[in-house]
Amino acid sequence: MSAEPRLARVAAAIADPTRARVLARLLDGRLHTAGELAAHAGVSAATMSAHLKLLVDEGLARVRPQGRHRYFGLADGDVAHALEALLRVADGRDAEPAADLRRWQKPEMRGLRHARSCYGHLAGELGVRWRETLLAKGWVKATPDGRYELSEAGREALAQLTPEGFAQSGRALYDCVDWSERRDHFAGPLAVAWLEAMLAQGWLRRVEGSRELGLTPRGRLALTDRIFSDVPIANREPAPL
């Protein structure tokens, strides 16, 4: 099959409002049951089953059987990045930059903008600032192929967040353009491990039914008052597309 019909099929799979809502939910990087996704989308179990089958068949989602349950997630990071890019395109077509900024300043959007999960890694203002800080401190350094790796200083400073014996590869850490900030945050297996550690240590908490992440008092002490303290905050207005 040539690329054009295949692209049309994938686009059609994303275009359905219910499936788009499911894919947006799966951007949190977690696995969900069909029942959970049906409740989130407001459809019946049978209807959700048909939608999920199509998403799996088109390579947009994956299914993991476990006991009597079947769990669904995004197929891979490429799908997640494509969806984030579509969100940015949709926002850019709907509003001028000033209007886009007002959108993110609405009370219901502030938490999502501040911190959220993007396919398992930290995004939003906090994710962008995390990347900027690690680069400014020299804890992460760029490689010739455009990826990133931990420096020796970074391994020591971030030992409590980095799995012991973590083996870096060419895709362990790389850039991902942030939906709200229009700057890069870190993605990749190492970025996922960092977010999991932040959640496990109580620095961040998940907000039920959303990709939003809440910064806890413990996290504010660890991140804002310690790690971020000596790195200036960049201008936070989203850049025009």
C-alpha atoms as a PDB file:
ATOM      1  CA  MET A   1       0.000   0.000   0.000  1.00  0.00           C
ATOM      2  CA  SER A   2       1.341   3.431  -0.896  1.00  0.00           C
ATOM      3  CA  ALA A   3       1.790   6.112   1.746  1.00  0.00           C
ATOM      4  CA  GLU A   4      -1.131   8.309   0.678  1.00  0.00           C
ATOM      5  CA  PRO A   5      -4.018   5.865   1.333  1.00  0.00           C
ATOM      6  CA  ARG A   6      -2.328   4.767   4.547  1.00  0.00           C
ATOM      7  CA  LEU A   7      -2.068   8.393   5.690  1.00  0.00           C
ATOM      8  CA  ALA A   8      -5.737   8.922   4.879  1.00  0.00           C
ATOM      9  CA  ARG A   9      -6.708   5.899   6.974  1.00  0.00           C
ATOM     10  CA  VAL A  10      -4.666   7.046   9.958  1.00  0.00           C
ATOM     11  CA  ALA A  11      -6.068  10.566   9.661  1.00  0.00           C
ATOM     12  CA  ALA A  12      -9.607   9.187   9.539  1.00  0.00           C
ATOM     13  CA  ALA A  13      -8.917   7.099  12.652  1.00  0.00           C
ATOM     14  CA  ILE A  14      -7.811  10.191  14.561  1.00  0.00           C
ATOM     15  CA  ALA A  15     -10.576  12.433  13.205  1.00  0.00           C
ATOM     16  CA  ASP A  16     -13.482  10.725  14.983  1.00  0.00           C
ATOM     17  CA  PRO A  17     -14.314  12.809  18.121  1.00  0.00           C
ATOM     18  CA  THR A  18     -14.556   9.785  20.435  1.00  0.00           C
ATOM     19  CA  ARG A  19     -11.284   8.286  19.224  1.00  0.00           C
ATOM     20  CA  ALA A  20      -9.605  11.691  19.433  1.00  0.00           C
ATOM     21  CA  ARG A  21     -10.728  11.935  23.063  1.00  0.00           C
ATOM     22  CA  VAL A  22      -9.338   8.465  23.762  1.00  0.00           C
ATOM     23  CA  LEU A  23      -5.993   9.260  22.123  1.00  0.00           C
ATOM     24  CA  ALA A  24      -5.724  12.493  24.105  1.00  0.00           C
ATOM     25  CA  ARG A  25      -6.370  10.521  27.295  1.00  0.00           C
ATOM     26  CA  LEU A  26      -3.688   7.982  26.381  1.00  0.00           C
ATOM     27  CA  LEU A  27      -1.169  10.798  26.030  1.00  0.00           C
ATOM     28  CA  ASP A  28      -0.641  10.505  29.774  1.00  0.00           C
ATOM     29  CA  GLY A  29       1.552   7.496  28.957  1.00  0.00           C
ATOM     30  CA  ARG A  30      -0.415   5.107  31.174  1.00  0.00           C
ATOM     31  CA  LEU A  31      -2.391   1.973  30.347  1.00  0.00           C
ATOM     32  CA  HIS A  32      -6.197   2.090  30.680  1.00  0.00           C
ATOM     33  CA  THR A  33      -8.941  -0.501  30.482  1.00  0.00           C
ATOM     34  CA  ALA A  34     -11.685  -0.248  27.875  1.00  0.00           C
ATOM     35  CA  GLY A  35     -14.161   0.445  30.675  1.00  0.00           C
ATOM     36  CA  GLU A  36     -12.124   3.381  31.955  1.00  0.00           C
ATOM     37  CA  LEU A  37     -11.834   4.826  28.468  1.00  0.00           C
ATOM     38  CA  ALA A  38     -15.557   4.315  27.802  1.00  0.00           C
ATOM     39  CA  ALA A  39     -16.404   6.241  30.972  1.00  0.00           C
ATOM     40  CA  HIS A  40     -13.964   8.996  30.038  1.00  0.00           C
ATOM     41  CA  ALA A  41     -15.419   9.343  26.526  1.00  0.00           C
ATOM     42  CA  GLY A  42     -19.046   8.943  27.628  1.00  0.00           C
ATOM     43  CA  VAL A  43     -19.861   5.973  25.369  1.00  0.00           C
ATOM     44  CA  SER A  44     -20.960   2.384  25.903  1.00  0.00           C
ATOM     45  CA  ALA A  45     -18.517  -0.479  26.418  1.00  0.00           C
ATOM     46  CA  ALA A  46     -19.482  -1.996  23.053  1.00  0.00           C
ATOM     47  CA  THR A  47     -18.901   1.285  21.248  1.00  0.00           C
ATOM     48  CA  MET A  48     -15.534   1.760  22.938  1.00  0.00           C
ATOM     49  CA  SER A  49     -14.517  -1.785  22.023  1.00  0.00           C
ATOM     50  CA  ALA A  50     -15.079  -1.020  18.341  1.00  0.00           C
ATOM     51  CA  HIS A  51     -13.125   2.235  18.576  1.00  0.00           C
ATOM     52  CA  LEU A  52     -10.193   0.577  20.326  1.00  0.00           C
ATOM     53  CA  LYS A  53     -10.052  -2.247  17.795  1.00  0.00           C
ATOM     54  CA  LEU A  54      -9.743   0.293  14.988  1.00  0.00           C
ATOM     55  CA  LEU A  55      -7.023   2.240  16.832  1.00  0.00           C
ATOM     56  CA  VAL A  56      -5.038  -0.949  17.421  1.00  0.00           C
ATOM     57  CA  ASP A  57      -5.530  -2.110  13.822  1.00  0.00           C
ATOM     58  CA  GLU A  58      -4.256   1.238  12.504  1.00  0.00           C
ATOM     59  CA  GLY A  59      -1.157   1.130  14.705  1.00  0.00           C
ATOM     60  CA  LEU A  60      -2.151   4.071  16.897  1.00  0.00           C
ATOM     61  CA  ALA A  61      -2.756   2.066  20.079  1.00  0.00           C
ATOM     62  CA  ARG A  62      -1.517  -1.169  21.610  1.00  0.00           C
ATOM     63  CA  VAL A  63      -3.212  -3.670  23.878  1.00  0.00           C
ATOM     64  CA  ARG A  64      -1.672  -5.628  26.744  1.00  0.00           C
ATOM     65  CA  PRO A  65      -3.664  -8.601  28.109  1.00  0.00           C
ATOM     66  CA  GLN A  66      -3.170  -9.248  31.811  1.00  0.00           C
ATOM     67  CA  GLY A  67      -5.298 -11.831  33.532  1.00  0.00           C
ATOM     68  CA  ARG A  68      -8.935 -11.137  32.773  1.00  0.00           C
ATOM     69  CA  HIS A  69      -8.226  -7.547  31.784  1.00  0.00           C
ATOM     70  CA  ARG A  70      -6.924  -5.877  28.648  1.00  0.00           C
ATOM     71  CA  TYR A  71      -5.066  -2.601  28.976  1.00  0.00           C
ATOM     72  CA  PHE A  72      -4.677  -0.037  26.205  1.00  0.00           C
ATOM     73  CA  GLY A  73      -2.000   2.588  25.595  1.00  0.00           C
ATOM     74  CA  LEU A  74      -0.515   4.549  22.711  1.00  0.00           C
ATOM     75  CA  ALA A  75       1.439   2.411  20.275  1.00  0.00           C
ATOM     76  CA  ASP A  76       4.740   4.247  20.793  1.00  0.00           C
ATOM     77  CA  GLY A  77       6.482   7.575  21.209  1.00  0.00           C
ATOM     78  CA  ASP A  78       6.149   8.438  17.522  1.00  0.00           C
ATOM     79  CA  VAL A  79       2.353   8.377  17.851  1.00  0.00           C
ATOM     80  CA  ALA A  80       2.535  10.518  20.987  1.00  0.00           C
ATOM     81  CA  HIS A  81       4.732  13.121  19.276  1.00  0.00           C
ATOM     82  CA  ALA A  82       2.437  13.183  16.243  1.00  0.00           C
ATOM     83  CA  LEU A  83      -0.577  13.814  18.462  1.00  0.00           C
ATOM     84  CA  GLU A  84       1.206  16.592  20.361  1.00  0.00           C
ATOM     85  CA  ALA A  85       2.126  18.172  17.021  1.00  0.00           C
ATOM     86  CA  LEU A  86      -1.512  18.012  15.905  1.00  0.00           C
ATOM     87  CA  LEU A  87      -2.561  19.736  19.148  1.00  0.00           C
ATOM     88  CA  ARG A  88      -0.120  22.560  18.412  1.00  0.00           C
ATOM     89  CA  VAL A  89      -1.347  22.848  14.819  1.00  0.00           C
ATOM     90  CA  ALA A  90      -4.978  22.929  15.976  1.00  0.00           C
ATOM     91  CA  ASP A  91      -4.224  25.652  18.513  1.00  0.00           C
ATOM     92  CA  GLY A  92      -2.255  27.668  15.970  1.00  0.00           C
ATOM     93  CA  ARG A  93      -5.084  27.598  13.438  1.00  0.00           C
ATOM     94  CA  ASP A  94      -7.728  28.569  15.980  1.00  0.00           C
ATOM     95  CA  ALA A  95      -6.179  31.683  17.444  1.00  0.00           C
ATOM     96  CA  GLU A  96      -3.572  34.394  17.224  1.00  0.00           C
ATOM     97  CA  PRO A  97      -0.680  34.081  19.706  1.00  0.00           C
ATOM     98  CA  ALA A  98      -2.303  36.569  22.107  1.00  0.00           C
ATOM     99  CA  ALA A  99      -5.539  34.595  22.089  1.00  0.00           C
ATOM    100  CA  ASP A 100      -3.595  31.372  22.555  1.00  0.00           C
ATOM    101  CA  LEU A 101      -1.941  32.868  25.635  1.00  0.00           C
ATOM    102  CA  ARG A 102      -5.329  33.885  27.052  1.00  0.00           C
ATOM    103  CA  ARG A 103      -6.532  30.328  26.517  1.00  0.00           C
ATOM    104  CA  TRP A 104      -3.748  28.915  28.668  1.00  0.00           C
ATOM    105  CA  GLN A 105      -4.423  31.526  31.357  1.00  0.00           C
ATOM    106  CA  LYS A 106      -7.983  30.307  31.889  1.00  0.00           C
ATOM    107  CA  PRO A 107      -8.435  28.742  35.359  1.00  0.00           C
ATOM    108  CA  GLU A 108      -9.301  25.323  33.929  1.00  0.00           C
ATOM    109  CA  MET A 109      -6.099  25.302  31.826  1.00  0.00           C
ATOM    110  CA  ARG A 110      -3.567  26.716  34.277  1.00  0.00           C
ATOM    111  CA  GLY A 111      -2.841  23.447  36.034  1.00  0.00           C
ATOM    112  CA  LEU A 112      -2.456  21.572  32.753  1.00  0.00           C
ATOM    113  CA  ARG A 113      -0.079  24.231  31.492  1.00  0.00           C
ATOM    114  CA  HIS A 114       1.985  24.234  34.670  1.00  0.00           C
ATOM    115  CA  ALA A 115       2.725  20.500  34.695  1.00  0.00           C
ATOM    116  CA  ARG A 116       1.372  17.471  32.850  1.00  0.00           C
ATOM    117  CA  SER A 117       2.496  14.103  31.585  1.00  0.00           C
ATOM    118  CA  CYS A 118       3.321  13.707  27.905  1.00  0.00           C
ATOM    119  CA  TYR A 119       3.562   9.987  27.116  1.00  0.00           C
ATOM    120  CA  GLY A 120       5.184   9.332  30.470  1.00  0.00           C
ATOM    121  CA  HIS A 121       7.546  12.282  30.695  1.00  0.00           C
ATOM    122  CA  LEU A 122       7.212  15.717  32.314  1.00  0.00           C
ATOM    123  CA  ALA A 123       5.745  18.511  30.165  1.00  0.00           C
ATOM    124  CA  GLY A 124       4.329  22.001  30.590  1.00  0.00           C
ATOM    125  CA  GLU A 125       6.074  24.895  32.300  1.00  0.00           C
ATOM    126  CA  LEU A 126       7.687  22.555  34.809  1.00  0.00           C
ATOM    127  CA  GLY A 127       8.946  20.201  32.100  1.00  0.00           C
ATOM    128  CA  VAL A 128      10.451  23.025  30.058  1.00  0.00           C
ATOM    129  CA  ARG A 129      12.102  24.512  33.125  1.00  0.00           C
ATOM    130  CA  TRP A 130      13.465  21.080  34.104  1.00  0.00           C
ATOM    131  CA  ARG A 131      15.178  20.785  30.719  1.00  0.00           C
ATOM    132  CA  GLU A 132      16.531  24.341  30.802  1.00  0.00           C
ATOM    133  CA  THR A 133      17.907  23.873  34.308  1.00  0.00           C
ATOM    134  CA  LEU A 134      19.631  20.560  33.619  1.00  0.00           C
ATOM    135  CA  LEU A 135      21.329  22.033  30.552  1.00  0.00           C
ATOM    136  CA  ALA A 136      22.290  25.255  32.341  1.00  0.00           C
ATOM    137  CA  LYS A 137      23.860  23.322  35.219  1.00  0.00           C
ATOM    138  CA  GLY A 138      25.729  21.018  32.849  1.00  0.00           C
ATOM    139  CA  TRP A 139      23.994  17.947  34.281  1.00  0.00           C
ATOM    140  CA  VAL A 140      22.868  17.040  30.772  1.00  0.00           C
ATOM    141  CA  LYS A 141      24.982  17.622  27.682  1.00  0.00           C
ATOM    142  CA  ALA A 142      24.220  17.452  23.968  1.00  0.00           C
ATOM    143  CA  THR A 143      25.719  14.698  21.824  1.00  0.00           C
ATOM    144  CA  PRO A 144      26.895  15.118  18.199  1.00  0.00           C
ATOM    145  CA  ASP A 145      23.798  13.309  16.891  1.00  0.00           C
ATOM    146  CA  GLY A 146      21.414  15.829  18.459  1.00  0.00           C
ATOM    147  CA  ARG A 147      20.494  13.726  21.490  1.00  0.00           C
ATOM    148  CA  TYR A 148      21.456  14.248  25.119  1.00  0.00           C
ATOM    149  CA  GLU A 149      23.201  12.290  27.844  1.00  0.00           C
ATOM    150  CA  LEU A 150      23.855  12.666  31.549  1.00  0.00           C
ATOM    151  CA  SER A 151      27.225  14.132  32.511  1.00  0.00           C
ATOM    152  CA  GLU A 152      29.141  12.752  35.479  1.00  0.00           C
ATOM    153  CA  ALA A 153      27.945  15.734  37.520  1.00  0.00           C
ATOM    154  CA  GLY A 154      24.405  15.002  36.410  1.00  0.00           C
ATOM    155  CA  ARG A 155      24.653  11.348  37.403  1.00  0.00           C
ATOM    156  CA  GLU A 156      25.739  12.387  40.873  1.00  0.00           C
ATOM    157  CA  ALA A 157      23.181  15.191  41.270  1.00  0.00           C
ATOM    158  CA  LEU A 158      20.264  13.154  39.913  1.00  0.00           C
ATOM    159  CA  ALA A 159      21.204   9.797  41.434  1.00  0.00           C
ATOM    160  CA  GLN A 160      17.976   9.631  43.460  1.00  0.00           C
ATOM    161  CA  LEU A 161      15.888  10.039  40.286  1.00  0.00           C
ATOM    162  CA  THR A 162      17.922   7.905  37.878  1.00  0.00           C
ATOM    163  CA  PRO A 163      17.628   4.091  37.968  1.00  0.00           C
ATOM    164  CA  GLU A 164      20.840   2.505  39.186  1.00  0.00           C
ATOM    165  CA  GLY A 165      22.865   1.192  36.274  1.00  0.00           C
ATOM    166  CA  PHE A 166      20.725   3.015  33.704  1.00  0.00           C
ATOM    167  CA  ALA A 167      22.331   2.416  30.321  1.00  0.00           C
ATOM    168  CA  GLN A 168      22.172   5.456  28.068  1.00  0.00           C
ATOM    169  CA  SER A 169      21.558   4.966  24.369  1.00  0.00           C
ATOM    170  CA  GLY A 170      21.128   7.260  21.388  1.00  0.00           C
ATOM    171  CA  ARG A 171      17.425   7.679  22.203  1.00  0.00           C
ATOM    172  CA  ALA A 172      17.550   7.703  25.989  1.00  0.00           C
ATOM    173  CA  LEU A 173      16.930  11.456  26.086  1.00  0.00           C
ATOM    174  CA  TYR A 174      15.833  13.800  23.319  1.00  0.00           C
ATOM    175  CA  ASP A 175      13.780  16.936  22.665  1.00  0.00           C
ATOM    176  CA  CYS A 176      10.001  17.115  22.362  1.00  0.00           C
ATOM    177  CA  VAL A 177       8.266  20.405  21.485  1.00  0.00           C
ATOM    178  CA  ASP A 178       5.883  21.344  24.285  1.00  0.00           C
ATOM    179  CA  TRP A 179       2.201  21.855  23.383  1.00  0.00           C
ATOM    180  CA  SER A 180       1.610  24.911  25.599  1.00  0.00           C
ATOM    181  CA  GLU A 181       5.093  26.419  25.891  1.00  0.00           C
ATOM    182  CA  ARG A 182       6.289  26.017  22.283  1.00  0.00           C
ATOM    183  CA  ARG A 183       9.710  25.174  23.704  1.00  0.00           C
ATOM    184  CA  ASP A 184      11.369  21.813  24.162  1.00  0.00           C
ATOM    185  CA  HIS A 185      11.029  19.503  27.118  1.00  0.00           C
ATOM    186  CA  PHE A 186      12.882  16.212  27.500  1.00  0.00           C
ATOM    187  CA  ALA A 187      11.434  12.937  26.198  1.00  0.00           C
ATOM    188  CA  GLY A 188      12.769   9.390  26.044  1.00  0.00           C
ATOM    189  CA  PRO A 189      13.286   6.500  28.491  1.00  0.00           C
ATOM    190  CA  LEU A 190      15.420   8.561  30.863  1.00  0.00           C
ATOM    191  CA  ALA A 191      12.816  11.345  30.985  1.00  0.00           C
ATOM    192  CA  VAL A 192      10.146   8.730  31.727  1.00  0.00           C
ATOM    193  CA  ALA A 193      12.270   7.306  34.556  1.00  0.00           C
ATOM    194  CA  TRP A 194      12.671  10.788  36.042  1.00  0.00           C
ATOM    195  CA  LEU A 195       8.922  11.435  36.089  1.00  0.00           C
ATOM    196  CA  GLU A 196       8.219   8.019  37.615  1.00  0.00           C
ATOM    197  CA  ALA A 197      10.768   8.780  40.335  1.00  0.00           C
ATOM    198  CA  MET A 198       9.271  12.230  41.007  1.00  0.00           C
ATOM    199  CA  LEU A 199       5.849  10.630  41.430  1.00  0.00           C
ATOM    200  CA  ALA A 200       7.196   7.811  43.611  1.00  0.00           C
ATOM    201  CA  GLN A 201       9.015  10.265  45.880  1.00  0.00           C
ATOM    202  CA  GLY A 202       5.948  12.456  46.235  1.00  0.00           C
ATOM    203  CA  TRP A 203       7.302  15.489  44.391  1.00  0.00           C
ATOM    204  CA  LEU A 204       4.390  15.359  41.967  1.00  0.00           C
ATOM    205  CA  ARG A 205       0.910  13.830  42.105  1.00  0.00           C
ATOM    206  CA  ARG A 206      -1.473  12.826  39.345  1.00  0.00           C
ATOM    207  CA  VAL A 207      -4.777  14.657  38.969  1.00  0.00           C
ATOM    208  CA  GLU A 208      -7.612  12.184  38.498  1.00  0.00           C
ATOM    209  CA  GLY A 209      -9.038  12.013  34.978  1.00  0.00           C
ATOM    210  CA  SER A 210      -6.429  14.335  33.491  1.00  0.00           C
ATOM    211  CA  ARG A 211      -2.846  14.537  32.280  1.00  0.00           C
ATOM    212  CA  GLU A 212      -2.326  17.329  34.812  1.00  0.00           C
ATOM    213  CA  LEU A 213       0.321  16.864  37.503  1.00  0.00           C
ATOM    214  CA  GLY A 214       0.261  18.694  40.807  1.00  0.00           C
ATOM    215  CA  LEU A 215       3.439  19.983  42.461  1.00  0.00           C
ATOM    216  CA  THR A 216       3.453  18.946  46.126  1.00  0.00           C
ATOM    217  CA  PRO A 217       5.102  20.860  49.004  1.00  0.00           C
ATOM    218  CA  ARG A 218       7.864  18.240  48.967  1.00  0.00           C
ATOM    219  CA  GLY A 219       8.305  18.762  45.234  1.00  0.00           C
ATOM    220  CA  ARG A 220       8.377  22.524  45.621  1.00  0.00           C
ATOM    221  CA  LEU A 221      11.180  22.169  48.143  1.00  0.00           C
ATOM    222  CA  ALA A 222      13.147  19.731  45.974  1.00  0.00           C
ATOM    223  CA  LEU A 223      12.625  21.424  42.605  1.00  0.00           C
ATOM    224  CA  THR A 224      11.801  25.112  43.027  1.00  0.00           C
ATOM    225  CA  ASP A 225      13.800  25.814  46.176  1.00  0.00           C
ATOM    226  CA  ARG A 226      16.820  23.633  45.392  1.00  0.00           C
ATOM    227  CA  ILE A 227      17.330  22.497  41.799  1.00  0.00           C
ATOM    228  CA  PHE A 228      15.791  25.545  40.070  1.00  0.00           C
ATOM    229  CA  SER A 229      16.892  28.172  42.565  1.00  0.00           C
ATOM    230  CA  ASP A 230      20.004  29.498  40.796  1.00  0.00           C
ATOM    231  CA  VAL A 231      18.762  29.281  37.180  1.00  0.00           C
ATOM    232  CA  PRO A 232      16.832  32.300  35.789  1.00  0.00           C
ATOM    233  CA  ILE A 233      13.272  31.713  34.585  1.00  0.00           C
ATOM    234  CA  ALA A 234      12.827  32.291  30.844  1.00  0.00           C
ATOM    235  CA  ASN A 235       9.892  34.207  29.351  1.00  0.00           C
ATOM    236  CA  ARG A 236       6.906  31.857  29.561  1.00  0.00           C
ATOM    237  CA  GLU A 237       4.613  33.223  26.849  1.00  0.00           C
ATOM    238  CA  PRO A 238       4.023  30.622  24.122  1.00  0.00           C
ATOM    239  CA  ALA A 239       5.967  31.476  20.975  1.00  0.00           C
ATOM    240  CA  PRO A 240       3.994  32.029  17.750  1.00  0.00           C
ATOM    241  CA  LEU A 241       3.867  29.063  15.395  1.00  0.00           C
END
